[in-house]
Amino acid sequence: YGVGQVLFKATPLLCTGLAVAVALRGGLLNVGAEGQLGLGALCMAVCGAALPQGTPALLALPLALSCGAAGGALCGALPGFLKGRFGAHEVITTILLNFVVRALLVGAGSRLFLRETTHTARILPAAELPRLSAYLPALHGSALNLALLLALLLCAACAYLLARTAPGFALRAVGQGATAARVAGIAVERTYLWTLTLSGALAGLGGANFVLGYKYYYEDGFSAGSGFMGIAVAVLGQGRPAGVLLAALVFGALSQGGLAINALVPRELVDVLTAVVIAAMAAVLPLSRRLRG
């Protein structure tokens, strides 16, 4: 059960960590993963609940996931456009967009939430991601679901994109030097746009863990800071998909461990421990790079 819960908590961190990591490799810092995650989750839930009864799972699930990715992508495309067209700094635009999205979610909730609740209607059963405990009895009681497989596939896809494709090369070239990339013929402004759009889509898909695989509806405040924690995950993972995966597992273990011992120690102690891990890794990583060099 404990292992299952660690993996469950690591799943959205893997998605938001990948979102920030992809932007980092392109020389951008996406601080808006929290808003992108929330908007993507709401779009996912609304789509899943609006589908007509009898919609097959082969259609319902891809549609719900596509709506989640589209919601996050839209939230990332705006800062990408502003960066490419006007040179607006993405840190400012993405962090401010978090507040705009939060206001939109609250406003939409007044119309979409069920009466006297803070959540939407339940999604269609065909759009649900099954719990892994149905296949692995040892995970009985855990909320772990097939969103983990989706996150792992996204991790592999990002690794392939960055290492073995022309768009991935262009992204890395812009990240290492926009001026040199422009001289080499790379469309820097277009790269900014699609990089942050992809980053937003990855964050938006992180909502599948909760909406499609756990509660089966969107609930206000469900993310609990997973978007912001994705920044730490991406930085500790050095912007590489494999590193992001390991960092997500570390923070998932810290989160679940904090719940397991909250009757024995104050909750704040777990936050302090998390901060110590971040500070220690931030100090060690530059040293390890120098030693390897």
C-alpha atoms as a PDB file:
ATOM      1  CA  TYR A   1       0.000   0.000   0.000  1.00  0.00           C
ATOM      2  CA  GLY A   2       2.770   2.412   0.936  1.00  0.00           C
ATOM      3  CA  VAL A   3       4.651   1.801  -2.316  1.00  0.00           C
ATOM      4  CA  GLY A   4       1.447   2.305  -4.262  1.00  0.00           C
ATOM      5  CA  GLN A   5       0.772   5.606  -2.530  1.00  0.00           C
ATOM      6  CA  VAL A   6       4.311   6.832  -3.173  1.00  0.00           C
ATOM      7  CA  LEU A   7       3.865   6.108  -6.887  1.00  0.00           C
ATOM      8  CA  PHE A   8       0.423   7.738  -6.824  1.00  0.00           C
ATOM      9  CA  LYS A   9       1.829  10.952  -5.357  1.00  0.00           C
ATOM     10  CA  ALA A  10       4.809  10.884  -7.705  1.00  0.00           C
ATOM     11  CA  THR A  11       2.639  10.664 -10.837  1.00  0.00           C
ATOM     12  CA  PRO A  12       1.458  14.313 -11.037  1.00  0.00           C
ATOM     13  CA  LEU A  13       4.928  15.470  -9.966  1.00  0.00           C
ATOM     14  CA  LEU A  14       6.378  13.569 -12.905  1.00  0.00           C
ATOM     15  CA  CYS A  15       4.037  15.385 -15.310  1.00  0.00           C
ATOM     16  CA  THR A  16       4.632  18.856 -13.882  1.00  0.00           C
ATOM     17  CA  GLY A  17       8.352  18.134 -13.532  1.00  0.00           C
ATOM     18  CA  LEU A  18       8.522  17.161 -17.210  1.00  0.00           C
ATOM     19  CA  ALA A  19       6.620  20.339 -18.088  1.00  0.00           C
ATOM     20  CA  VAL A  20       9.172  22.523 -16.330  1.00  0.00           C
ATOM     21  CA  ALA A  21      12.115  20.414 -17.557  1.00  0.00           C
ATOM     22  CA  VAL A  22      11.153  20.737 -21.236  1.00  0.00           C
ATOM     23  CA  ALA A  23      10.917  24.501 -20.826  1.00  0.00           C
ATOM     24  CA  LEU A  24      14.278  24.590 -19.015  1.00  0.00           C
ATOM     25  CA  ARG A  25      16.008  22.759 -21.868  1.00  0.00           C
ATOM     26  CA  GLY A  26      14.669  25.468 -24.152  1.00  0.00           C
ATOM     27  CA  GLY A  27      16.104  28.216 -21.959  1.00  0.00           C
ATOM     28  CA  LEU A  28      12.718  29.046 -20.414  1.00  0.00           C
ATOM     29  CA  LEU A  29      11.405  28.844 -16.859  1.00  0.00           C
ATOM     30  CA  ASN A  30       7.757  27.825 -16.696  1.00  0.00           C
ATOM     31  CA  VAL A  31       6.412  28.931 -13.313  1.00  0.00           C
ATOM     32  CA  GLY A  32       2.810  28.442 -14.431  1.00  0.00           C
ATOM     33  CA  ALA A  33       2.523  24.653 -14.126  1.00  0.00           C
ATOM     34  CA  GLU A  34       0.117  25.038 -11.203  1.00  0.00           C
ATOM     35  CA  GLY A  35      -2.393  26.959 -13.305  1.00  0.00           C
ATOM     36  CA  GLN A  36      -1.851  24.723 -16.334  1.00  0.00           C
ATOM     37  CA  LEU A  37      -2.467  21.648 -14.191  1.00  0.00           C
ATOM     38  CA  GLY A  38      -5.687  23.099 -12.785  1.00  0.00           C
ATOM     39  CA  LEU A  39      -7.101  24.257 -16.110  1.00  0.00           C
ATOM     40  CA  GLY A  40      -6.210  20.957 -17.773  1.00  0.00           C
ATOM     41  CA  ALA A  41      -7.887  18.987 -14.992  1.00  0.00           C
ATOM     42  CA  LEU A  42     -11.078  21.058 -15.223  1.00  0.00           C
ATOM     43  CA  CYS A  43     -11.260  20.649 -19.015  1.00  0.00           C
ATOM     44  CA  MET A  44     -10.700  16.918 -18.560  1.00  0.00           C
ATOM     45  CA  ALA A  45     -13.477  16.619 -15.995  1.00  0.00           C
ATOM     46  CA  VAL A  46     -15.978  18.687 -17.979  1.00  0.00           C
ATOM     47  CA  CYS A  47     -15.317  16.625 -21.108  1.00  0.00           C
ATOM     48  CA  GLY A  48     -15.595  13.334 -19.221  1.00  0.00           C
ATOM     49  CA  ALA A  49     -18.890  14.346 -17.633  1.00  0.00           C
ATOM     50  CA  ALA A  50     -20.395  15.765 -20.838  1.00  0.00           C
ATOM     51  CA  LEU A  51     -19.887  12.670 -22.979  1.00  0.00           C
ATOM     52  CA  PRO A  52     -23.124  10.840 -23.803  1.00  0.00           C
ATOM     53  CA  GLN A  53     -23.883   7.561 -22.097  1.00  0.00           C
ATOM     54  CA  GLY A  54     -22.680   4.609 -24.097  1.00  0.00           C
ATOM     55  CA  THR A  55     -19.546   6.312 -25.402  1.00  0.00           C
ATOM     56  CA  PRO A  56     -16.912   3.562 -25.728  1.00  0.00           C
ATOM     57  CA  ALA A  57     -13.769   3.772 -23.610  1.00  0.00           C
ATOM     58  CA  LEU A  58     -11.590   3.819 -26.747  1.00  0.00           C
ATOM     59  CA  LEU A  59     -13.192   7.164 -27.582  1.00  0.00           C
ATOM     60  CA  ALA A  60     -14.034   8.607 -24.158  1.00  0.00           C
ATOM     61  CA  LEU A  61     -10.579   8.265 -22.620  1.00  0.00           C
ATOM     62  CA  PRO A  62      -8.615   9.845 -25.507  1.00  0.00           C
ATOM     63  CA  LEU A  63     -11.128  12.686 -25.702  1.00  0.00           C
ATOM     64  CA  ALA A  64     -10.848  13.462 -21.998  1.00  0.00           C
ATOM     65  CA  LEU A  65      -7.049  13.317 -22.116  1.00  0.00           C
ATOM     66  CA  SER A  66      -6.989  15.502 -25.230  1.00  0.00           C
ATOM     67  CA  CYS A  67      -9.141  18.128 -23.529  1.00  0.00           C
ATOM     68  CA  GLY A  68      -6.823  18.116 -20.518  1.00  0.00           C
ATOM     69  CA  ALA A  69      -3.766  18.536 -22.727  1.00  0.00           C
ATOM     70  CA  ALA A  70      -5.507  21.284 -24.710  1.00  0.00           C
ATOM     71  CA  GLY A  71      -6.405  23.218 -21.567  1.00  0.00           C
ATOM     72  CA  GLY A  72      -2.835  23.131 -20.301  1.00  0.00           C
ATOM     73  CA  ALA A  73      -1.436  23.869 -23.771  1.00  0.00           C
ATOM     74  CA  LEU A  74      -3.634  26.950 -24.124  1.00  0.00           C
ATOM     75  CA  CYS A  75      -2.388  28.174 -20.766  1.00  0.00           C
ATOM     76  CA  GLY A  76       1.212  27.689 -21.909  1.00  0.00           C
ATOM     77  CA  ALA A  77       0.795  29.038 -25.438  1.00  0.00           C
ATOM     78  CA  LEU A  78      -0.074  32.566 -24.285  1.00  0.00           C
ATOM     79  CA  PRO A  79       3.235  33.149 -22.446  1.00  0.00           C
ATOM     80  CA  GLY A  80       5.039  31.513 -25.379  1.00  0.00           C
ATOM     81  CA  PHE A  81       3.422  33.932 -27.819  1.00  0.00           C
ATOM     82  CA  LEU A  82       4.178  36.927 -25.608  1.00  0.00           C
ATOM     83  CA  LYS A  83       7.793  35.792 -25.248  1.00  0.00           C
ATOM     84  CA  GLY A  84       8.313  35.326 -28.976  1.00  0.00           C
ATOM     85  CA  ARG A  85       6.339  38.346 -30.190  1.00  0.00           C
ATOM     86  CA  PHE A  86       7.128  40.989 -27.568  1.00  0.00           C
ATOM     87  CA  GLY A  87      10.013  39.539 -25.548  1.00  0.00           C
ATOM     88  CA  ALA A  88       7.900  39.408 -22.374  1.00  0.00           C
ATOM     89  CA  HIS A  89       9.741  37.453 -19.701  1.00  0.00           C
ATOM     90  CA  GLU A  90       8.109  34.046 -19.264  1.00  0.00           C
ATOM     91  CA  VAL A  91       8.645  33.990 -15.479  1.00  0.00           C
ATOM     92  CA  ILE A  92       6.487  37.095 -15.075  1.00  0.00           C
ATOM     93  CA  THR A  93       3.775  36.039 -17.519  1.00  0.00           C
ATOM     94  CA  THR A  94       3.490  32.436 -16.296  1.00  0.00           C
ATOM     95  CA  ILE A  95       3.399  33.290 -12.612  1.00  0.00           C
ATOM     96  CA  LEU A  96       0.809  36.030 -13.153  1.00  0.00           C
ATOM     97  CA  LEU A  97      -1.223  33.699 -15.327  1.00  0.00           C
ATOM     98  CA  ASN A  98      -1.540  31.389 -12.314  1.00  0.00           C
ATOM     99  CA  PHE A  99      -3.670  34.030 -10.608  1.00  0.00           C
ATOM    100  CA  VAL A 100      -5.740  34.622 -13.741  1.00  0.00           C
ATOM    101  CA  VAL A 101      -6.395  30.898 -14.146  1.00  0.00           C
ATOM    102  CA  ARG A 102      -7.229  30.576 -10.465  1.00  0.00           C
ATOM    103  CA  ALA A 103      -9.853  33.298 -10.813  1.00  0.00           C
ATOM    104  CA  LEU A 104     -11.268  31.606 -13.918  1.00  0.00           C
ATOM    105  CA  LEU A 105     -11.475  28.268 -12.115  1.00  0.00           C
ATOM    106  CA  VAL A 106     -13.335  29.830  -9.196  1.00  0.00           C
ATOM    107  CA  GLY A 107     -15.711  31.598 -11.569  1.00  0.00           C
ATOM    108  CA  ALA A 108     -16.304  28.452 -13.605  1.00  0.00           C
ATOM    109  CA  GLY A 109     -16.836  26.494 -10.411  1.00  0.00           C
ATOM    110  CA  SER A 110     -19.832  28.623  -9.494  1.00  0.00           C
ATOM    111  CA  ARG A 111     -21.545  27.249 -12.589  1.00  0.00           C
ATOM    112  CA  LEU A 112     -20.018  23.806 -12.936  1.00  0.00           C
ATOM    113  CA  PHE A 113     -19.791  22.539  -9.356  1.00  0.00           C
ATOM    114  CA  LEU A 114     -22.604  20.428  -7.994  1.00  0.00           C
ATOM    115  CA  ARG A 115     -24.870  22.195  -5.526  1.00  0.00           C
ATOM    116  CA  GLU A 116     -23.257  22.760  -2.106  1.00  0.00           C
ATOM    117  CA  THR A 117     -19.993  21.096  -3.187  1.00  0.00           C
ATOM    118  CA  THR A 118     -16.637  22.187  -4.573  1.00  0.00           C
ATOM    119  CA  HIS A 119     -16.428  19.550  -7.303  1.00  0.00           C
ATOM    120  CA  THR A 120     -17.897  18.872 -10.736  1.00  0.00           C
ATOM    121  CA  ALA A 121     -20.176  16.024 -11.767  1.00  0.00           C
ATOM    122  CA  ARG A 122     -18.667  12.549 -11.999  1.00  0.00           C
ATOM    123  CA  ILE A 123     -17.096  11.634 -15.319  1.00  0.00           C
ATOM    124  CA  LEU A 124     -18.451   8.865 -17.517  1.00  0.00           C
ATOM    125  CA  PRO A 125     -17.236   5.408 -16.379  1.00  0.00           C
ATOM    126  CA  ALA A 126     -15.792   4.831 -19.852  1.00  0.00           C
ATOM    127  CA  ALA A 127     -13.390   7.742 -19.287  1.00  0.00           C
ATOM    128  CA  GLU A 128     -12.028   6.375 -16.004  1.00  0.00           C
ATOM    129  CA  LEU A 129      -8.496   5.044 -15.614  1.00  0.00           C
ATOM    130  CA  PRO A 130      -8.593   1.721 -13.699  1.00  0.00           C
ATOM    131  CA  ARG A 131      -6.795   1.250 -10.388  1.00  0.00           C
ATOM    132  CA  LEU A 132      -3.682  -0.908 -10.599  1.00  0.00           C
ATOM    133  CA  SER A 133      -4.840  -2.848  -7.550  1.00  0.00           C
ATOM    134  CA  ALA A 134      -7.266  -4.588  -9.920  1.00  0.00           C
ATOM    135  CA  TYR A 135      -4.238  -6.216 -11.555  1.00  0.00           C
ATOM    136  CA  LEU A 136      -1.834  -6.295  -8.580  1.00  0.00           C
ATOM    137  CA  PRO A 137      -3.644  -7.381  -5.393  1.00  0.00           C
ATOM    138  CA  ALA A 138      -0.647  -6.321  -3.287  1.00  0.00           C
ATOM    139  CA  LEU A 139      -1.607  -2.706  -4.000  1.00  0.00           C
ATOM    140  CA  HIS A 140      -5.065  -3.171  -2.427  1.00  0.00           C
ATOM    141  CA  GLY A 141      -6.347   0.094  -0.988  1.00  0.00           C
ATOM    142  CA  SER A 142      -3.847   2.233  -2.893  1.00  0.00           C
ATOM    143  CA  ALA A 143      -5.087   4.980  -5.210  1.00  0.00           C
ATOM    144  CA  LEU A 144      -2.411   4.145  -7.795  1.00  0.00           C
ATOM    145  CA  ASN A 145      -3.922   3.974 -11.269  1.00  0.00           C
ATOM    146  CA  LEU A 146      -2.989   3.776 -14.937  1.00  0.00           C
ATOM    147  CA  ALA A 147      -2.122   7.487 -14.965  1.00  0.00           C
ATOM    148  CA  LEU A 148       1.304   6.264 -13.830  1.00  0.00           C
ATOM    149  CA  LEU A 149       1.711   4.423 -17.134  1.00  0.00           C
ATOM    150  CA  LEU A 150       0.656   7.576 -18.989  1.00  0.00           C
ATOM    151  CA  ALA A 151       3.258   9.630 -17.078  1.00  0.00           C
ATOM    152  CA  LEU A 152       5.988   7.069 -17.841  1.00  0.00           C
ATOM    153  CA  LEU A 153       5.074   7.143 -21.535  1.00  0.00           C
ATOM    154  CA  LEU A 154       5.273  10.938 -21.487  1.00  0.00           C
ATOM    155  CA  CYS A 155       8.683  10.679 -19.837  1.00  0.00           C
ATOM    156  CA  ALA A 156       9.937   8.324 -22.560  1.00  0.00           C
ATOM    157  CA  ALA A 157       8.420  10.510 -25.294  1.00  0.00           C
ATOM    158  CA  CYS A 158      10.109  13.642 -23.920  1.00  0.00           C
ATOM    159  CA  ALA A 159      13.457  11.836 -23.722  1.00  0.00           C
ATOM    160  CA  TYR A 160      13.106  10.774 -27.356  1.00  0.00           C
ATOM    161  CA  LEU A 161      11.983  14.228 -28.469  1.00  0.00           C
ATOM    162  CA  LEU A 162      14.909  15.988 -26.828  1.00  0.00           C
ATOM    163  CA  ALA A 163      17.592  13.514 -27.871  1.00  0.00           C
ATOM    164  CA  ARG A 164      16.609  12.183 -31.278  1.00  0.00           C
ATOM    165  CA  THR A 165      14.394  14.629 -33.172  1.00  0.00           C
ATOM    166  CA  ALA A 166      14.992  17.808 -35.154  1.00  0.00           C
ATOM    167  CA  PRO A 167      12.514  19.866 -33.062  1.00  0.00           C
ATOM    168  CA  GLY A 168      14.263  18.627 -29.924  1.00  0.00           C
ATOM    169  CA  PHE A 169      17.622  19.719 -31.325  1.00  0.00           C
ATOM    170  CA  ALA A 170      16.182  23.143 -32.133  1.00  0.00           C
ATOM    171  CA  LEU A 171      14.805  23.410 -28.598  1.00  0.00           C
ATOM    172  CA  ARG A 172      18.163  22.550 -27.046  1.00  0.00           C
ATOM    173  CA  ALA A 173      20.000  24.898 -29.408  1.00  0.00           C
ATOM    174  CA  VAL A 174      17.758  27.807 -28.424  1.00  0.00           C
ATOM    175  CA  GLY A 175      18.228  26.920 -24.773  1.00  0.00           C
ATOM    176  CA  GLN A 176      22.011  27.016 -25.097  1.00  0.00           C
ATOM    177  CA  GLY A 177      22.059  30.284 -27.019  1.00  0.00           C
ATOM    178  CA  ALA A 178      19.160  31.998 -28.740  1.00  0.00           C
ATOM    179  CA  THR A 179      21.370  34.351 -30.745  1.00  0.00           C
ATOM    180  CA  ALA A 180      23.549  31.551 -32.101  1.00  0.00           C
ATOM    181  CA  ALA A 181      20.448  29.467 -32.871  1.00  0.00           C
ATOM    182  CA  ARG A 182      18.918  32.351 -34.817  1.00  0.00           C
ATOM    183  CA  VAL A 183      22.121  32.767 -36.835  1.00  0.00           C
ATOM    184  CA  ALA A 184      22.010  29.029 -37.589  1.00  0.00           C
ATOM    185  CA  GLY A 185      18.554  29.466 -39.122  1.00  0.00           C
ATOM    186  CA  ILE A 186      16.362  28.259 -36.244  1.00  0.00           C
ATOM    187  CA  ALA A 187      13.079  30.117 -35.792  1.00  0.00           C
ATOM    188  CA  VAL A 188      13.612  31.150 -32.171  1.00  0.00           C
ATOM    189  CA  GLU A 189      10.226  32.825 -31.685  1.00  0.00           C
ATOM    190  CA  ARG A 190       8.377  29.796 -33.042  1.00  0.00           C
ATOM    191  CA  THR A 191      10.453  27.527 -30.807  1.00  0.00           C
ATOM    192  CA  TYR A 192       9.505  29.578 -27.749  1.00  0.00           C
ATOM    193  CA  LEU A 193       5.839  29.218 -28.670  1.00  0.00           C
ATOM    194  CA  TRP A 194       5.737  25.467 -29.200  1.00  0.00           C
ATOM    195  CA  THR A 195       8.048  24.769 -26.250  1.00  0.00           C
ATOM    196  CA  LEU A 196       5.790  26.495 -23.740  1.00  0.00           C
ATOM    197  CA  THR A 197       2.707  25.047 -25.455  1.00  0.00           C
ATOM    198  CA  LEU A 198       4.134  21.543 -25.030  1.00  0.00           C
ATOM    199  CA  SER A 199       5.140  22.358 -21.480  1.00  0.00           C
ATOM    200  CA  GLY A 200       1.580  23.428 -20.649  1.00  0.00           C
ATOM    201  CA  ALA A 201       0.131  20.293 -22.257  1.00  0.00           C
ATOM    202  CA  LEU A 202       2.371  18.058 -20.123  1.00  0.00           C
ATOM    203  CA  ALA A 203       1.282  19.875 -16.967  1.00  0.00           C
ATOM    204  CA  GLY A 204      -2.379  19.678 -17.990  1.00  0.00           C
ATOM    205  CA  LEU A 205      -2.145  15.901 -18.406  1.00  0.00           C
ATOM    206  CA  GLY A 206      -1.018  15.655 -14.783  1.00  0.00           C
ATOM    207  CA  GLY A 207      -4.658  16.121 -13.784  1.00  0.00           C
ATOM    208  CA  ALA A 208      -5.497  12.650 -15.120  1.00  0.00           C
ATOM    209  CA  ASN A 209      -4.100  11.089 -11.940  1.00  0.00           C
ATOM    210  CA  PHE A 210      -6.806  12.729  -9.819  1.00  0.00           C
ATOM    211  CA  VAL A 211      -9.680  13.342 -12.235  1.00  0.00           C
ATOM    212  CA  LEU A 212      -9.638  10.154 -14.311  1.00  0.00           C
ATOM    213  CA  GLY A 213      -7.962   7.748 -11.922  1.00  0.00           C
ATOM    214  CA  TYR A 214      -8.881   8.700  -8.362  1.00  0.00           C
ATOM    215  CA  LYS A 215     -11.902  10.886  -7.568  1.00  0.00           C
ATOM    216  CA  TYR A 216     -13.420  10.859 -11.077  1.00  0.00           C
ATOM    217  CA  TYR A 217     -14.264  14.570 -10.898  1.00  0.00           C
ATOM    218  CA  TYR A 218     -12.481  17.916 -10.632  1.00  0.00           C
ATOM    219  CA  GLU A 219     -12.294  19.267  -7.088  1.00  0.00           C
ATOM    220  CA  ASP A 220     -11.203  22.746  -6.111  1.00  0.00           C
ATOM    221  CA  GLY A 221      -7.692  22.754  -4.641  1.00  0.00           C
ATOM    222  CA  PHE A 222      -6.913  19.174  -5.659  1.00  0.00           C
ATOM    223  CA  SER A 223      -3.375  19.937  -6.867  1.00  0.00           C
ATOM    224  CA  ALA A 224      -2.008  20.883  -3.411  1.00  0.00           C
ATOM    225  CA  GLY A 225       0.957  22.704  -4.943  1.00  0.00           C
ATOM    226  CA  SER A 226       2.001  19.937  -7.357  1.00  0.00           C
ATOM    227  CA  GLY A 227       2.596  22.521 -10.080  1.00  0.00           C
ATOM    228  CA  PHE A 228       5.016  24.545  -7.983  1.00  0.00           C
ATOM    229  CA  MET A 229       6.711  21.394  -6.674  1.00  0.00           C
ATOM    230  CA  GLY A 230       7.306  20.448 -10.308  1.00  0.00           C
ATOM    231  CA  ILE A 231       9.886  23.253 -10.440  1.00  0.00           C
ATOM    232  CA  ALA A 232      11.934  21.583  -7.701  1.00  0.00           C
ATOM    233  CA  VAL A 233      11.510  18.199  -9.389  1.00  0.00           C
ATOM    234  CA  ALA A 234      12.769  19.546 -12.719  1.00  0.00           C
ATOM    235  CA  VAL A 235      15.714  21.397 -11.194  1.00  0.00           C
ATOM    236  CA  LEU A 236      16.820  18.395  -9.137  1.00  0.00           C
ATOM    237  CA  GLY A 237      16.408  16.225 -12.224  1.00  0.00           C
ATOM    238  CA  GLN A 238      18.718  18.651 -14.088  1.00  0.00           C
ATOM    239  CA  GLY A 239      16.081  19.093 -16.800  1.00  0.00           C
ATOM    240  CA  ARG A 240      16.474  15.498 -18.005  1.00  0.00           C
ATOM    241  CA  PRO A 241      13.487  13.108 -18.139  1.00  0.00           C
ATOM    242  CA  ALA A 242      15.318  10.294 -16.319  1.00  0.00           C
ATOM    243  CA  GLY A 243      16.391  12.684 -13.579  1.00  0.00           C
ATOM    244  CA  VAL A 244      12.858  14.077 -13.317  1.00  0.00           C
ATOM    245  CA  LEU A 245      11.540  10.542 -12.810  1.00  0.00           C
ATOM    246  CA  LEU A 246      13.944   9.900  -9.920  1.00  0.00           C
ATOM    247  CA  ALA A 247      13.248  13.291  -8.347  1.00  0.00           C
ATOM    248  CA  ALA A 248       9.475  12.727  -8.558  1.00  0.00           C
ATOM    249  CA  LEU A 249       9.895   9.423  -6.717  1.00  0.00           C
ATOM    250  CA  VAL A 250      11.926  11.137  -3.981  1.00  0.00           C
ATOM    251  CA  PHE A 251       9.299  13.814  -3.411  1.00  0.00           C
ATOM    252  CA  GLY A 252       6.497  11.248  -3.628  1.00  0.00           C
ATOM    253  CA  ALA A 253       8.198   9.257  -0.873  1.00  0.00           C
ATOM    254  CA  LEU A 254       8.603  12.385   1.277  1.00  0.00           C
ATOM    255  CA  SER A 255       4.948  13.304   0.804  1.00  0.00           C
ATOM    256  CA  GLN A 256       3.619   9.844   1.674  1.00  0.00           C
ATOM    257  CA  GLY A 257       6.097   9.494   4.535  1.00  0.00           C
ATOM    258  CA  GLY A 258       4.835  12.749   6.001  1.00  0.00           C
ATOM    259  CA  LEU A 259       1.297  11.366   6.077  1.00  0.00           C
ATOM    260  CA  ALA A 260       2.475   8.099   7.605  1.00  0.00           C
ATOM    261  CA  ILE A 261       4.170   9.767  10.571  1.00  0.00           C
ATOM    262  CA  ASN A 262       1.976  12.831  11.065  1.00  0.00           C
ATOM    263  CA  ALA A 263       0.705  11.433  14.365  1.00  0.00           C
ATOM    264  CA  LEU A 264       4.257  11.302  15.727  1.00  0.00           C
ATOM    265  CA  VAL A 265       5.889  14.492  14.455  1.00  0.00           C
ATOM    266  CA  PRO A 266       4.614  17.913  13.354  1.00  0.00           C
ATOM    267  CA  ARG A 267       3.718  18.255   9.670  1.00  0.00           C
ATOM    268  CA  GLU A 268       6.116  21.191   9.423  1.00  0.00           C
ATOM    269  CA  LEU A 269       9.035  18.846  10.100  1.00  0.00           C
ATOM    270  CA  VAL A 270       8.334  17.065   6.825  1.00  0.00           C
ATOM    271  CA  ASP A 271       8.370  20.422   5.011  1.00  0.00           C
ATOM    272  CA  VAL A 272      11.722  21.200   6.629  1.00  0.00           C
ATOM    273  CA  LEU A 273      13.074  17.809   5.548  1.00  0.00           C
ATOM    274  CA  THR A 274      11.909  18.454   1.986  1.00  0.00           C
ATOM    275  CA  ALA A 275      13.661  21.816   1.997  1.00  0.00           C
ATOM    276  CA  VAL A 276      16.856  20.194   3.330  1.00  0.00           C
ATOM    277  CA  VAL A 277      16.770  17.638   0.503  1.00  0.00           C
ATOM    278  CA  ILE A 278      16.350  20.412  -2.086  1.00  0.00           C
ATOM    279  CA  ALA A 279      19.163  22.492  -0.564  1.00  0.00           C
ATOM    280  CA  ALA A 280      21.493  19.494  -0.288  1.00  0.00           C
ATOM    281  CA  MET A 281      20.902  18.428  -3.880  1.00  0.00           C
ATOM    282  CA  ALA A 282      21.322  21.993  -5.126  1.00  0.00           C
ATOM    283  CA  ALA A 283      24.711  22.123  -3.386  1.00  0.00           C
ATOM    284  CA  VAL A 284      25.893  18.679  -4.508  1.00  0.00           C
ATOM    285  CA  LEU A 285      24.899  18.768  -8.194  1.00  0.00           C
ATOM    286  CA  PRO A 286      27.321  21.556  -9.249  1.00  0.00           C
ATOM    287  CA  LEU A 287      30.112  19.795  -7.348  1.00  0.00           C
ATOM    288  CA  SER A 288      29.369  16.489  -9.069  1.00  0.00           C
ATOM    289  CA  ARG A 289      29.455  18.173 -12.467  1.00  0.00           C
ATOM    290  CA  ARG A 290      32.857  19.690 -11.693  1.00  0.00           C
ATOM    291  CA  LEU A 291      34.209  16.320 -10.558  1.00  0.00           C
ATOM    292  CA  ARG A 292      32.958  14.639 -13.730  1.00  0.00           C
ATOM    293  CA  GLY A 293      34.535  17.380 -15.820  1.00  0.00           C
END
